[in-house]
Amino acid sequence: MNCGEISDLVKIKVMDYQVGQTVYDVGINFKTKKATVREQKILYVGDQVLFVTGIDCVWGEKNEITLRYSMKDAFKPERIFESTTHTVWTDDRERAYQYAHQMNEIQKMKLSISKAC
């Protein structure tokens, strides 16, 4: 596959999103330390980002945020050990809840480790 073909695939994927569509922001809430799934409504579809509005999963406040296409489904469990918050976004509701479940399991493990130390 050459660069032109990759570029065409990216353009096709970008066009899949529409203003008003729902995507899901998943992350560990700063206050509760539990993973939450928040629906976000698309306000703008850009070349590399979506601009969305909804309740922020980390802070629990209504915000407009930018979601980069490169971070879609980019869940990296090791980041939960490195940071107090970690977010990922997806356009699949079921996958969003799977990510939240995995994040909560890791949070439980972190708590067990900290109690053991």
PDB file of N, CA and C in Angstrom:
ATOM      1  N   MET A   1       0.854  -1.175   0.000  1.00  0.00           N
ATOM      2  CA  MET A   1       0.000   0.000   0.000  1.00  0.00           C
ATOM      3  C   MET A   1       0.897   1.235   0.000  1.00  0.00           C
ATOM      4  N   ASN A   2       0.658   2.141  -0.918  1.00  0.00           N
ATOM      5  CA  ASN A   2       1.484   3.348  -0.966  1.00  0.00           C
ATOM      6  C   ASN A   2       0.810   4.494  -0.211  1.00  0.00           C
ATOM      7  N   CYS A   3       1.525   5.607  -0.076  1.00  0.00           N
ATOM      8  CA  CYS A   3       1.030   6.749   0.702  1.00  0.00           C
ATOM      9  C   CYS A   3      -0.294   7.277   0.173  1.00  0.00           C
ATOM     10  N   GLY A   4      -0.473   7.289  -1.133  1.00  0.00           N
ATOM     11  CA  GLY A   4      -1.724   7.766  -1.713  1.00  0.00           C
ATOM     12  C   GLY A   4      -2.909   6.933  -1.273  1.00  0.00           C
ATOM     13  N   GLU A   5      -2.709   5.606  -1.225  1.00  0.00           N
ATOM     14  CA  GLU A   5      -3.788   4.723  -0.802  1.00  0.00           C
ATOM     15  C   GLU A   5      -4.107   4.915   0.671  1.00  0.00           C
ATOM     16  N   ILE A   6      -3.082   5.076   1.498  1.00  0.00           N
ATOM     17  CA  ILE A   6      -3.293   5.313   2.925  1.00  0.00           C
ATOM     18  C   ILE A   6      -4.050   6.617   3.119  1.00  0.00           C
ATOM     19  N   SER A   7      -3.646   7.648   2.396  1.00  0.00           N
ATOM     20  CA  SER A   7      -4.321   8.944   2.481  1.00  0.00           C
ATOM     21  C   SER A   7      -5.792   8.814   2.114  1.00  0.00           C
ATOM     22  N   ASP A   8      -6.088   8.039   1.080  1.00  0.00           N
ATOM     23  CA  ASP A   8      -7.472   7.834   0.669  1.00  0.00           C
ATOM     24  C   ASP A   8      -8.270   7.109   1.751  1.00  0.00           C
ATOM     25  N   LEU A   9      -7.652   6.128   2.427  1.00  0.00           N
ATOM     26  CA  LEU A   9      -8.332   5.412   3.502  1.00  0.00           C
ATOM     27  C   LEU A   9      -8.656   6.349   4.655  1.00  0.00           C
ATOM     28  N   VAL A  10      -7.733   7.218   4.996  1.00  0.00           N
ATOM     29  CA  VAL A  10      -7.960   8.177   6.073  1.00  0.00           C
ATOM     30  C   VAL A  10      -9.118   9.095   5.712  1.00  0.00           C
ATOM     31  N   LYS A  11      -9.162   9.577   4.485  1.00  0.00           N
ATOM     32  CA  LYS A  11     -10.249  10.459   4.054  1.00  0.00           C
ATOM     33  C   LYS A  11     -11.593   9.747   4.149  1.00  0.00           C
ATOM     34  N   ILE A  12     -11.623   8.493   3.761  1.00  0.00           N
ATOM     35  CA  ILE A  12     -12.871   7.736   3.833  1.00  0.00           C
ATOM     36  C   ILE A  12     -13.315   7.616   5.286  1.00  0.00           C
ATOM     37  N   LYS A  13     -12.389   7.321   6.190  1.00  0.00           N
ATOM     38  CA  LYS A  13     -12.723   7.175   7.602  1.00  0.00           C
ATOM     39  C   LYS A  13     -13.223   8.492   8.177  1.00  0.00           C
ATOM     40  N   VAL A  14     -12.589   9.602   7.815  1.00  0.00           N
ATOM     41  CA  VAL A  14     -13.002  10.912   8.302  1.00  0.00           C
ATOM     42  C   VAL A  14     -14.436  11.193   7.893  1.00  0.00           C
ATOM     43  N   MET A  15     -14.788  10.841   6.685  1.00  0.00           N
ATOM     44  CA  MET A  15     -16.128  11.124   6.187  1.00  0.00           C
ATOM     45  C   MET A  15     -17.187  10.269   6.878  1.00  0.00           C
ATOM     46  N   ASP A  16     -16.786   9.225   7.600  1.00  0.00           N
ATOM     47  CA  ASP A  16     -17.733   8.388   8.321  1.00  0.00           C
ATOM     48  C   ASP A  16     -18.391   9.127   9.480  1.00  0.00           C
ATOM     49  N   TYR A  17     -17.767  10.171   9.994  1.00  0.00           N
ATOM     50  CA  TYR A  17     -18.306  10.909  11.130  1.00  0.00           C
ATOM     51  C   TYR A  17     -19.151  12.072  10.657  1.00  0.00           C
ATOM     52  N   GLN A  18     -20.226  12.327  11.403  1.00  0.00           N
ATOM     53  CA  GLN A  18     -21.137  13.407  11.035  1.00  0.00           C
ATOM     54  C   GLN A  18     -21.469  14.249  12.259  1.00  0.00           C
ATOM     55  N   VAL A  19     -21.724  15.522  12.022  1.00  0.00           N
ATOM     56  CA  VAL A  19     -22.156  16.412  13.095  1.00  0.00           C
ATOM     57  C   VAL A  19     -23.418  15.828  13.725  1.00  0.00           C
ATOM     58  N   GLY A  20     -23.459  15.803  15.054  1.00  0.00           N
ATOM     59  CA  GLY A  20     -24.602  15.257  15.779  1.00  0.00           C
ATOM     60  C   GLY A  20     -24.450  13.803  16.174  1.00  0.00           C
ATOM     61  N   GLN A  21     -23.496  13.110  15.573  1.00  0.00           N
ATOM     62  CA  GLN A  21     -23.248  11.704  15.892  1.00  0.00           C
ATOM     63  C   GLN A  21     -22.700  11.597  17.315  1.00  0.00           C
ATOM     64  N   THR A  22     -22.963  10.471  17.964  1.00  0.00           N
ATOM     65  CA  THR A  22     -22.463  10.216  19.312  1.00  0.00           C
ATOM     66  C   THR A  22     -21.188   9.388  19.253  1.00  0.00           C
ATOM     67  N   VAL A  23     -20.184   9.814  20.014  1.00  0.00           N
ATOM     68  CA  VAL A  23     -18.982   9.023  20.254  1.00  0.00           C
ATOM     69  C   VAL A  23     -18.834   8.922  21.771  1.00  0.00           C
ATOM     70  N   TYR A  24     -17.920   8.089  22.232  1.00  0.00           N
ATOM     71  CA  TYR A  24     -17.815   7.807  23.657  1.00  0.00           C
ATOM     72  C   TYR A  24     -16.412   8.111  24.162  1.00  0.00           C
ATOM     73  N   ASP A  25     -16.362   8.912  25.207  1.00  0.00           N
ATOM     74  CA  ASP A  25     -15.128   9.293  25.880  1.00  0.00           C
ATOM     75  C   ASP A  25     -15.045   8.432  27.137  1.00  0.00           C
ATOM     76  N   VAL A  26     -13.961   7.706  27.302  1.00  0.00           N
ATOM     77  CA  VAL A  26     -13.805   6.792  28.429  1.00  0.00           C
ATOM     78  C   VAL A  26     -12.557   7.200  29.191  1.00  0.00           C
ATOM     79  N   GLY A  27     -12.682   7.318  30.500  1.00  0.00           N
ATOM     80  CA  GLY A  27     -11.506   7.688  31.274  1.00  0.00           C
ATOM     81  C   GLY A  27     -11.733   7.533  32.757  1.00  0.00           C
ATOM     82  N   ILE A  28     -10.652   7.675  33.489  1.00  0.00           N
ATOM     83  CA  ILE A  28     -10.706   7.566  34.937  1.00  0.00           C
ATOM     84  C   ILE A  28     -11.023   8.938  35.515  1.00  0.00           C
ATOM     85  N   ASN A  29     -12.133   9.003  36.245  1.00  0.00           N
ATOM     86  CA  ASN A  29     -12.558  10.249  36.865  1.00  0.00           C
ATOM     87  C   ASN A  29     -11.564  10.632  37.958  1.00  0.00           C
ATOM     88  N   PHE A  30     -11.144  11.878  37.936  1.00  0.00           N
ATOM     89  CA  PHE A  30     -10.128  12.359  38.870  1.00  0.00           C
ATOM     90  C   PHE A  30     -10.589  12.253  40.322  1.00  0.00           C
ATOM     91  N   LYS A  31     -11.859  12.529  40.582  1.00  0.00           N
ATOM     92  CA  LYS A  31     -12.373  12.531  41.958  1.00  0.00           C
ATOM     93  C   LYS A  31     -12.694  11.133  42.469  1.00  0.00           C
ATOM     94  N   THR A  32     -13.393  10.338  41.661  1.00  0.00           N
ATOM     95  CA  THR A  32     -13.847   9.024  42.119  1.00  0.00           C
ATOM     96  C   THR A  32     -12.811   7.925  41.908  1.00  0.00           C
ATOM     97  N   LYS A  33     -11.854   8.165  41.022  1.00  0.00           N
ATOM     98  CA  LYS A  33     -10.826   7.177  40.651  1.00  0.00           C
ATOM     99  C   LYS A  33     -11.422   5.951  39.966  1.00  0.00           C
ATOM    100  N   LYS A  34     -12.638   6.104  39.441  1.00  0.00           N
ATOM    101  CA  LYS A  34     -13.290   5.021  38.708  1.00  0.00           C
ATOM    102  C   LYS A  34     -13.465   5.429  37.252  1.00  0.00           C
ATOM    103  N   ALA A  35     -13.409   4.441  36.373  1.00  0.00           N
ATOM    104  CA  ALA A  35     -13.590   4.707  34.945  1.00  0.00           C
ATOM    105  C   ALA A  35     -15.052   5.030  34.658  1.00  0.00           C
ATOM    106  N   THR A  36     -15.244   6.010  33.801  1.00  0.00           N
ATOM    107  CA  THR A  36     -16.589   6.396  33.398  1.00  0.00           C
ATOM    108  C   THR A  36     -16.659   6.464  31.878  1.00  0.00           C
ATOM    109  N   VAL A  37     -17.847   6.240  31.364  1.00  0.00           N
ATOM    110  CA  VAL A  37     -18.118   6.368  29.932  1.00  0.00           C
ATOM    111  C   VAL A  37     -19.057   7.550  29.775  1.00  0.00           C
ATOM    112  N   ARG A  38     -18.679   8.475  28.919  1.00  0.00           N
ATOM    113  CA  ARG A  38     -19.505   9.665  28.685  1.00  0.00           C
ATOM    114  C   ARG A  38     -19.791   9.807  27.198  1.00  0.00           C
ATOM    115  N   GLU A  39     -21.060  10.025  26.883  1.00  0.00           N
ATOM    116  CA  GLU A  39     -21.435  10.279  25.492  1.00  0.00           C
ATOM    117  C   GLU A  39     -21.022  11.693  25.115  1.00  0.00           C
ATOM    118  N   GLN A  40     -20.484  11.833  23.919  1.00  0.00           N
ATOM    119  CA  GLN A  40     -20.100  13.133  23.383  1.00  0.00           C
ATOM    120  C   GLN A  40     -20.784  13.298  22.034  1.00  0.00           C
ATOM    121  N   LYS A  41     -21.308  14.468  21.766  1.00  0.00           N
ATOM    122  CA  LYS A  41     -21.936  14.772  20.475  1.00  0.00           C
ATOM    123  C   LYS A  41     -20.946  15.533  19.604  1.00  0.00           C
ATOM    124  N   ILE A  42     -20.813  15.100  18.374  1.00  0.00           N
ATOM    125  CA  ILE A  42     -19.884  15.746  17.449  1.00  0.00           C
ATOM    126  C   ILE A  42     -20.446  17.094  17.009  1.00  0.00           C
ATOM    127  N   LEU A  43     -19.610  18.132  17.178  1.00  0.00           N
ATOM    128  CA  LEU A  43     -19.956  19.481  16.731  1.00  0.00           C
ATOM    129  C   LEU A  43     -19.292  19.817  15.406  1.00  0.00           C
ATOM    130  N   TYR A  44     -18.091  19.232  15.184  1.00  0.00           N
ATOM    131  CA  TYR A  44     -17.307  19.561  13.991  1.00  0.00           C
ATOM    132  C   TYR A  44     -16.440  18.368  13.632  1.00  0.00           C
ATOM    133  N   VAL A  45     -16.346  18.066  12.354  1.00  0.00           N
ATOM    134  CA  VAL A  45     -15.496  16.988  11.853  1.00  0.00           C
ATOM    135  C   VAL A  45     -14.348  17.621  11.087  1.00  0.00           C
ATOM    136  N   GLY A  46     -13.123  17.457  11.596  1.00  0.00           N
ATOM    137  CA  GLY A  46     -11.943  18.000  10.940  1.00  0.00           C
ATOM    138  C   GLY A  46     -11.140  16.921  10.244  1.00  0.00           C
ATOM    139  N   ASP A  47     -10.011  17.323   9.666  1.00  0.00           N
ATOM    140  CA  ASP A  47      -9.145  16.375   8.969  1.00  0.00           C
ATOM    141  C   ASP A  47      -8.486  15.384   9.919  1.00  0.00           C
ATOM    142  N   GLN A  48      -8.134  15.839  11.132  1.00  0.00           N
ATOM    143  CA  GLN A  48      -7.425  14.985  12.079  1.00  0.00           C
ATOM    144  C   GLN A  48      -8.109  14.886  13.432  1.00  0.00           C
ATOM    145  N   VAL A  49      -9.177  15.651  13.627  1.00  0.00           N
ATOM    146  CA  VAL A  49      -9.827  15.695  14.932  1.00  0.00           C
ATOM    147  C   VAL A  49     -11.344  15.801  14.806  1.00  0.00           C
ATOM    148  N   LEU A  50     -11.996  15.443  15.902  1.00  0.00           N
ATOM    149  CA  LEU A  50     -13.414  15.729  16.086  1.00  0.00           C
ATOM    150  C   LEU A  50     -13.507  16.743  17.215  1.00  0.00           C
ATOM    151  N   PHE A  51     -14.379  17.717  17.073  1.00  0.00           N
ATOM    152  CA  PHE A  51     -14.659  18.657  18.148  1.00  0.00           C
ATOM    153  C   PHE A  51     -16.017  18.252  18.691  1.00  0.00           C
ATOM    154  N   VAL A  52     -16.073  17.924  19.987  1.00  0.00           N
ATOM    155  CA  VAL A  52     -17.288  17.354  20.569  1.00  0.00           C
ATOM    156  C   VAL A  52     -17.709  18.110  21.820  1.00  0.00           C
ATOM    157  N   THR A  53     -18.938  17.886  22.236  1.00  0.00           N
ATOM    158  CA  THR A  53     -19.441  18.473  23.473  1.00  0.00           C
ATOM    159  C   THR A  53     -20.111  17.394  24.304  1.00  0.00           C
ATOM    160  N   GLY A  54     -20.000  17.538  25.621  1.00  0.00           N
ATOM    161  CA  GLY A  54     -20.608  16.591  26.544  1.00  0.00           C
ATOM    162  C   GLY A  54     -19.969  16.722  27.909  1.00  0.00           C
ATOM    163  N   ILE A  55     -20.285  15.783  28.782  1.00  0.00           N
ATOM    164  CA  ILE A  55     -19.700  15.760  30.121  1.00  0.00           C
ATOM    165  C   ILE A  55     -18.339  15.079  30.022  1.00  0.00           C
ATOM    166  N   ASP A  56     -17.312  15.766  30.478  1.00  0.00           N
ATOM    167  CA  ASP A  56     -15.947  15.250  30.445  1.00  0.00           C
ATOM    168  C   ASP A  56     -15.815  14.077  31.416  1.00  0.00           C
ATOM    169  N   CYS A  57     -15.217  12.975  30.968  1.00  0.00           N
ATOM    170  CA  CYS A  57     -15.107  11.789  31.818  1.00  0.00           C
ATOM    171  C   CYS A  57     -14.110  11.964  32.962  1.00  0.00           C
ATOM    172  N   VAL A  58     -13.110  12.805  32.797  1.00  0.00           N
ATOM    173  CA  VAL A  58     -12.097  12.981  33.844  1.00  0.00           C
ATOM    174  C   VAL A  58     -12.577  13.937  34.928  1.00  0.00           C
ATOM    175  N   TRP A  59     -13.119  15.074  34.538  1.00  0.00           N
ATOM    176  CA  TRP A  59     -13.494  16.111  35.509  1.00  0.00           C
ATOM    177  C   TRP A  59     -14.981  16.128  35.826  1.00  0.00           C
ATOM    178  N   GLY A  60     -15.807  15.476  35.012  1.00  0.00           N
ATOM    179  CA  GLY A  60     -17.236  15.432  35.265  1.00  0.00           C
ATOM    180  C   GLY A  60     -17.958  16.740  34.998  1.00  0.00           C
ATOM    181  N   GLU A  61     -17.378  17.575  34.157  1.00  0.00           N
ATOM    182  CA  GLU A  61     -17.970  18.872  33.846  1.00  0.00           C
ATOM    183  C   GLU A  61     -18.321  18.940  32.364  1.00  0.00           C
ATOM    184  N   LYS A  62     -19.332  19.761  32.053  1.00  0.00           N
ATOM    185  CA  LYS A  62     -19.706  19.944  30.649  1.00  0.00           C
ATOM    186  C   LYS A  62     -18.608  20.736  29.959  1.00  0.00           C
ATOM    187  N   ASN A  63     -18.096  20.200  28.878  1.00  0.00           N
ATOM    188  CA  ASN A  63     -17.000  20.815  28.138  1.00  0.00           C
ATOM    189  C   ASN A  63     -17.138  20.550  26.656  1.00  0.00           C
ATOM    190  N   GLU A  64     -16.416  21.332  25.902  1.00  0.00           N
ATOM    191  CA  GLU A  64     -16.178  21.026  24.500  1.00  0.00           C
ATOM    192  C   GLU A  64     -14.732  20.564  24.438  1.00  0.00           C
ATOM    193  N   ILE A  65     -14.497  19.427  23.831  1.00  0.00           N
ATOM    194  CA  ILE A  65     -13.139  18.888  23.769  1.00  0.00           C
ATOM    195  C   ILE A  65     -12.812  18.447  22.344  1.00  0.00           C
ATOM    196  N   THR A  66     -11.534  18.284  22.106  1.00  0.00           N
ATOM    197  CA  THR A  66     -11.036  17.821  20.818  1.00  0.00           C
ATOM    198  C   THR A  66     -10.584  16.374  20.963  1.00  0.00           C
ATOM    199  N   LEU A  67     -11.050  15.522  20.080  1.00  0.00           N
ATOM    200  CA  LEU A  67     -10.639  14.119  20.060  1.00  0.00           C
ATOM    201  C   LEU A  67      -9.838  13.875  18.789  1.00  0.00           C
ATOM    202  N   ARG A  68      -8.609  13.447  18.945  1.00  0.00           N
ATOM    203  CA  ARG A  68      -7.759  13.154  17.789  1.00  0.00           C
ATOM    204  C   ARG A  68      -8.087  11.764  17.251  1.00  0.00           C
ATOM    205  N   TYR A  69      -8.143  11.658  15.923  1.00  0.00           N
ATOM    206  CA  TYR A  69      -8.390  10.356  15.304  1.00  0.00           C
ATOM    207  C   TYR A  69      -7.333   9.344  15.731  1.00  0.00           C
ATOM    208  N   SER A  70      -6.106   9.800  15.916  1.00  0.00           N
ATOM    209  CA  SER A  70      -5.012   8.894  16.282  1.00  0.00           C
ATOM    210  C   SER A  70      -5.215   8.272  17.664  1.00  0.00           C
ATOM    211  N   MET A  71      -6.074   8.864  18.495  1.00  0.00           N
ATOM    212  CA  MET A  71      -6.320   8.330  19.833  1.00  0.00           C
ATOM    213  C   MET A  71      -7.566   7.445  19.897  1.00  0.00           C
ATOM    214  N   LYS A  72      -8.246   7.294  18.761  1.00  0.00           N
ATOM    215  CA  LYS A  72      -9.434   6.438  18.740  1.00  0.00           C
ATOM    216  C   LYS A  72      -9.019   4.994  19.010  1.00  0.00           C
ATOM    217  N   ASP A  73      -9.652   4.394  19.990  1.00  0.00           N
ATOM    218  CA  ASP A  73      -9.380   3.005  20.375  1.00  0.00           C
ATOM    219  C   ASP A  73      -7.913   2.774  20.712  1.00  0.00           C
ATOM    220  N   ALA A  74      -7.242   3.797  21.207  1.00  0.00           N
ATOM    221  CA  ALA A  74      -5.822   3.691  21.569  1.00  0.00           C
ATOM    222  C   ALA A  74      -5.685   3.441  23.071  1.00  0.00           C
ATOM    223  N   PHE A  75      -6.381   2.435  23.555  1.00  0.00           N
ATOM    224  CA  PHE A  75      -6.334   2.101  24.978  1.00  0.00           C
ATOM    225  C   PHE A  75      -5.024   1.393  25.286  1.00  0.00           C
ATOM    226  N   LYS A  76      -4.279   1.946  26.216  1.00  0.00           N
ATOM    227  CA  LYS A  76      -2.995   1.378  26.625  1.00  0.00           C
ATOM    228  C   LYS A  76      -3.023   1.184  28.135  1.00  0.00           C
ATOM    229  N   PRO A  77      -3.301  -0.034  28.594  1.00  0.00           N
ATOM    230  CA  PRO A  77      -3.440  -0.288  30.029  1.00  0.00           C
ATOM    231  C   PRO A  77      -2.257   0.183  30.868  1.00  0.00           C
ATOM    232  N   GLU A  78      -1.049   0.104  30.332  1.00  0.00           N
ATOM    233  CA  GLU A  78       0.128   0.513  31.110  1.00  0.00           C
ATOM    234  C   GLU A  78       0.090   1.993  31.479  1.00  0.00           C
ATOM    235  N   ARG A  79      -0.618   2.792  30.710  1.00  0.00           N
ATOM    236  CA  ARG A  79      -0.705   4.229  31.020  1.00  0.00           C
ATOM    237  C   ARG A  79      -1.465   4.488  32.315  1.00  0.00           C
ATOM    238  N   ILE A  80      -2.339   3.580  32.697  1.00  0.00           N
ATOM    239  CA  ILE A  80      -3.089   3.751  33.939  1.00  0.00           C
ATOM    240  C   ILE A  80      -2.144   3.661  35.131  1.00  0.00           C
ATOM    241  N   PHE A  81      -1.081   2.883  35.007  1.00  0.00           N
ATOM    242  CA  PHE A  81      -0.097   2.793  36.081  1.00  0.00           C
ATOM    243  C   PHE A  81       0.789   4.031  36.130  1.00  0.00           C
ATOM    244  N   GLU A  82       0.953   4.699  34.995  1.00  0.00           N
ATOM    245  CA  GLU A  82       1.847   5.854  34.901  1.00  0.00           C
ATOM    246  C   GLU A  82       1.178   7.172  35.255  1.00  0.00           C
ATOM    247  N   SER A  83      -0.136   7.225  35.233  1.00  0.00           N
ATOM    248  CA  SER A  83      -0.843   8.496  35.376  1.00  0.00           C
ATOM    249  C   SER A  83      -2.086   8.316  36.241  1.00  0.00           C
ATOM    250  N   THR A  84      -2.545   9.404  36.845  1.00  0.00           N
ATOM    251  CA  THR A  84      -3.773   9.322  37.640  1.00  0.00           C
ATOM    252  C   THR A  84      -5.012   9.333  36.755  1.00  0.00           C
ATOM    253  N   THR A  85      -4.866   9.810  35.527  1.00  0.00           N
ATOM    254  CA  THR A  85      -5.991   9.795  34.589  1.00  0.00           C
ATOM    255  C   THR A  85      -5.516   9.238  33.252  1.00  0.00           C
ATOM    256  N   HIS A  86      -6.416   8.598  32.562  1.00  0.00           N
ATOM    257  CA  HIS A  86      -6.121   8.092  31.222  1.00  0.00           C
ATOM    258  C   HIS A  86      -7.439   8.083  30.470  1.00  0.00           C
ATOM    259  N   THR A  87      -7.421   8.565  29.245  1.00  0.00           N
ATOM    260  CA  THR A  87      -8.652   8.574  28.458  1.00  0.00           C
ATOM    261  C   THR A  87      -8.430   7.928  27.100  1.00  0.00           C
ATOM    262  N   VAL A  88      -9.503   7.449  26.557  1.00  0.00           N
ATOM    263  CA  VAL A  88      -9.539   6.893  25.212  1.00  0.00           C
ATOM    264  C   VAL A  88     -10.941   7.185  24.679  1.00  0.00           C
ATOM    265  N   TRP A  89     -11.076   7.270  23.381  1.00  0.00           N
ATOM    266  CA  TRP A  89     -12.416   7.465  22.835  1.00  0.00           C
ATOM    267  C   TRP A  89     -12.672   6.433  21.758  1.00  0.00           C
ATOM    268  N   THR A  90     -13.945   6.191  21.522  1.00  0.00           N
ATOM    269  CA  THR A  90     -14.352   5.211  20.530  1.00  0.00           C
ATOM    270  C   THR A  90     -15.726   5.591  19.979  1.00  0.00           C
ATOM    271  N   ASP A  91     -16.065   5.025  18.853  1.00  0.00           N
ATOM    272  CA  ASP A  91     -17.404   5.244  18.311  1.00  0.00           C
ATOM    273  C   ASP A  91     -18.297   4.021  18.541  1.00  0.00           C
ATOM    274  N   ASP A  92     -17.805   3.071  19.328  1.00  0.00           N
ATOM    275  CA  ASP A  92     -18.523   1.832  19.608  1.00  0.00           C
ATOM    276  C   ASP A  92     -18.898   1.789  21.096  1.00  0.00           C
ATOM    277  N   ARG A  93     -20.189   1.840  21.385  1.00  0.00           N
ATOM    278  CA  ARG A  93     -20.661   1.901  22.780  1.00  0.00           C
ATOM    279  C   ARG A  93     -20.211   0.680  23.590  1.00  0.00           C
ATOM    280  N   GLU A  94     -20.354  -0.499  23.018  1.00  0.00           N
ATOM    281  CA  GLU A  94     -19.968  -1.720  23.726  1.00  0.00           C
ATOM    282  C   GLU A  94     -18.471  -1.717  24.044  1.00  0.00           C
ATOM    283  N   ARG A  95     -17.669  -1.314  23.081  1.00  0.00           N
ATOM    284  CA  ARG A  95     -16.224  -1.246  23.293  1.00  0.00           C
ATOM    285  C   ARG A  95     -15.891  -0.233  24.393  1.00  0.00           C
ATOM    286  N   ALA A  96     -16.623   0.873  24.450  1.00  0.00           N
ATOM    287  CA  ALA A  96     -16.401   1.887  25.488  1.00  0.00           C
ATOM    288  C   ALA A  96     -16.578   1.273  26.875  1.00  0.00           C
ATOM    289  N   TYR A  97     -17.623   0.479  27.048  1.00  0.00           N
ATOM    290  CA  TYR A  97     -17.854  -0.144  28.352  1.00  0.00           C
ATOM    291  C   TYR A  97     -16.825  -1.237  28.647  1.00  0.00           C
ATOM    292  N   GLN A  98     -16.302  -1.889  27.622  1.00  0.00           N
ATOM    293  CA  GLN A  98     -15.217  -2.856  27.830  1.00  0.00           C
ATOM    294  C   GLN A  98     -13.964  -2.140  28.326  1.00  0.00           C
ATOM    295  N   TYR A  99     -13.646  -0.994  27.704  1.00  0.00           N
ATOM    296  CA  TYR A  99     -12.495  -0.210  28.154  1.00  0.00           C
ATOM    297  C   TYR A  99     -12.673   0.216  29.608  1.00  0.00           C
ATOM    298  N   ALA A 100     -13.866   0.689  29.952  1.00  0.00           N
ATOM    299  CA  ALA A 100     -14.127   1.137  31.326  1.00  0.00           C
ATOM    300  C   ALA A 100     -13.955  -0.017  32.306  1.00  0.00           C
ATOM    301  N   HIS A 101     -14.455  -1.184  31.944  1.00  0.00           N
ATOM    302  CA  HIS A 101     -14.311  -2.357  32.811  1.00  0.00           C
ATOM    303  C   HIS A 101     -12.827  -2.688  33.021  1.00  0.00           C
ATOM    304  N   GLN A 102     -12.054  -2.690  31.942  1.00  0.00           N
ATOM    305  CA  GLN A 102     -10.622  -2.981  32.055  1.00  0.00           C
ATOM    306  C   GLN A 102      -9.920  -1.933  32.915  1.00  0.00           C
ATOM    307  N   MET A 103     -10.280  -0.667  32.727  1.00  0.00           N
ATOM    308  CA  MET A 103      -9.675   0.402  33.528  1.00  0.00           C
ATOM    309  C   MET A 103      -9.985   0.211  35.010  1.00  0.00           C
ATOM    310  N   ASN A 104     -11.224  -0.152  35.325  1.00  0.00           N
ATOM    311  CA  ASN A 104     -11.599  -0.364  36.725  1.00  0.00           C
ATOM    312  C   ASN A 104     -10.872  -1.558  37.329  1.00  0.00           C
ATOM    313  N   GLU A 105     -10.670  -2.610  36.548  1.00  0.00           N
ATOM    314  CA  GLU A 105      -9.912  -3.764  37.043  1.00  0.00           C
ATOM    315  C   GLU A 105      -8.468  -3.364  37.361  1.00  0.00           C
ATOM    316  N   ILE A 106      -7.871  -2.563  36.506  1.00  0.00           N
ATOM    317  CA  ILE A 106      -6.499  -2.102  36.746  1.00  0.00           C
ATOM    318  C   ILE A 106      -6.455  -1.192  37.964  1.00  0.00           C
ATOM    319  N   GLN A 107      -7.463  -0.340  38.123  1.00  0.00           N
ATOM    320  CA  GLN A 107      -7.521   0.535  39.297  1.00  0.00           C
ATOM    321  C   GLN A 107      -7.584  -0.295  40.581  1.00  0.00           C
ATOM    322  N   LYS A 108      -8.372  -1.380  40.569  1.00  0.00           N
ATOM    323  CA  LYS A 108      -8.446  -2.274  41.733  1.00  0.00           C
ATOM    324  C   LYS A 108      -7.080  -2.885  42.024  1.00  0.00           C
ATOM    325  N   MET A 109      -6.381  -3.299  40.965  1.00  0.00           N
ATOM    326  CA  MET A 109      -5.056  -3.881  41.124  1.00  0.00           C
ATOM    327  C   MET A 109      -4.086  -2.857  41.714  1.00  0.00           C
ATOM    328  N   LYS A 110      -4.144  -1.625  41.221  1.00  0.00           N
ATOM    329  CA  LYS A 110      -3.286  -0.561  41.751  1.00  0.00           C
ATOM    330  C   LYS A 110      -3.549  -0.337  43.234  1.00  0.00           C
ATOM    331  N   LEU A 111      -4.821  -0.344  43.629  1.00  0.00           N
ATOM    332  CA  LEU A 111      -5.189  -0.152  45.027  1.00  0.00           C
ATOM    333  C   LEU A 111      -4.650  -1.295  45.881  1.00  0.00           C
ATOM    334  N   SER A 112      -4.757  -2.525  45.391  1.00  0.00           N
ATOM    335  CA  SER A 112      -4.233  -3.687  46.120  1.00  0.00           C
ATOM    336  C   SER A 112      -2.728  -3.585  46.308  1.00  0.00           C
ATOM    337  N   ILE A 113      -2.037  -3.155  45.263  1.00  0.00           N
ATOM    338  CA  ILE A 113      -0.578  -3.021  45.334  1.00  0.00           C
ATOM    339  C   ILE A 113      -0.195  -1.933  46.329  1.00  0.00           C
ATOM    340  N   SER A 114      -0.903  -0.812  46.296  1.00  0.00           N
ATOM    341  CA  SER A 114      -0.562   0.285  47.207  1.00  0.00           C
ATOM    342  C   SER A 114      -0.845  -0.090  48.656  1.00  0.00           C
ATOM    343  N   LYS A 115      -1.888  -0.894  48.911  1.00  0.00           N
ATOM    344  CA  LYS A 115      -2.177  -1.347  50.273  1.00  0.00           C
ATOM    345  C   LYS A 115      -1.117  -2.331  50.755  1.00  0.00           C
ATOM    346  N   ALA A 116      -0.596  -3.133  49.840  1.00  0.00           N
ATOM    347  CA  ALA A 116       0.412  -4.130  50.194  1.00  0.00           C
ATOM    348  C   ALA A 116       1.757  -3.490  50.532  1.00  0.00           C
ATOM    349  N   CYS A 117       2.006  -2.322  49.966  1.00  0.00           N
ATOM    350  CA  CYS A 117       3.291  -1.652  50.206  1.00  0.00           C
ATOM    351  C   CYS A 117       3.232  -0.949  51.487  1.00  0.00           C
TER     352      CYS A 117
END
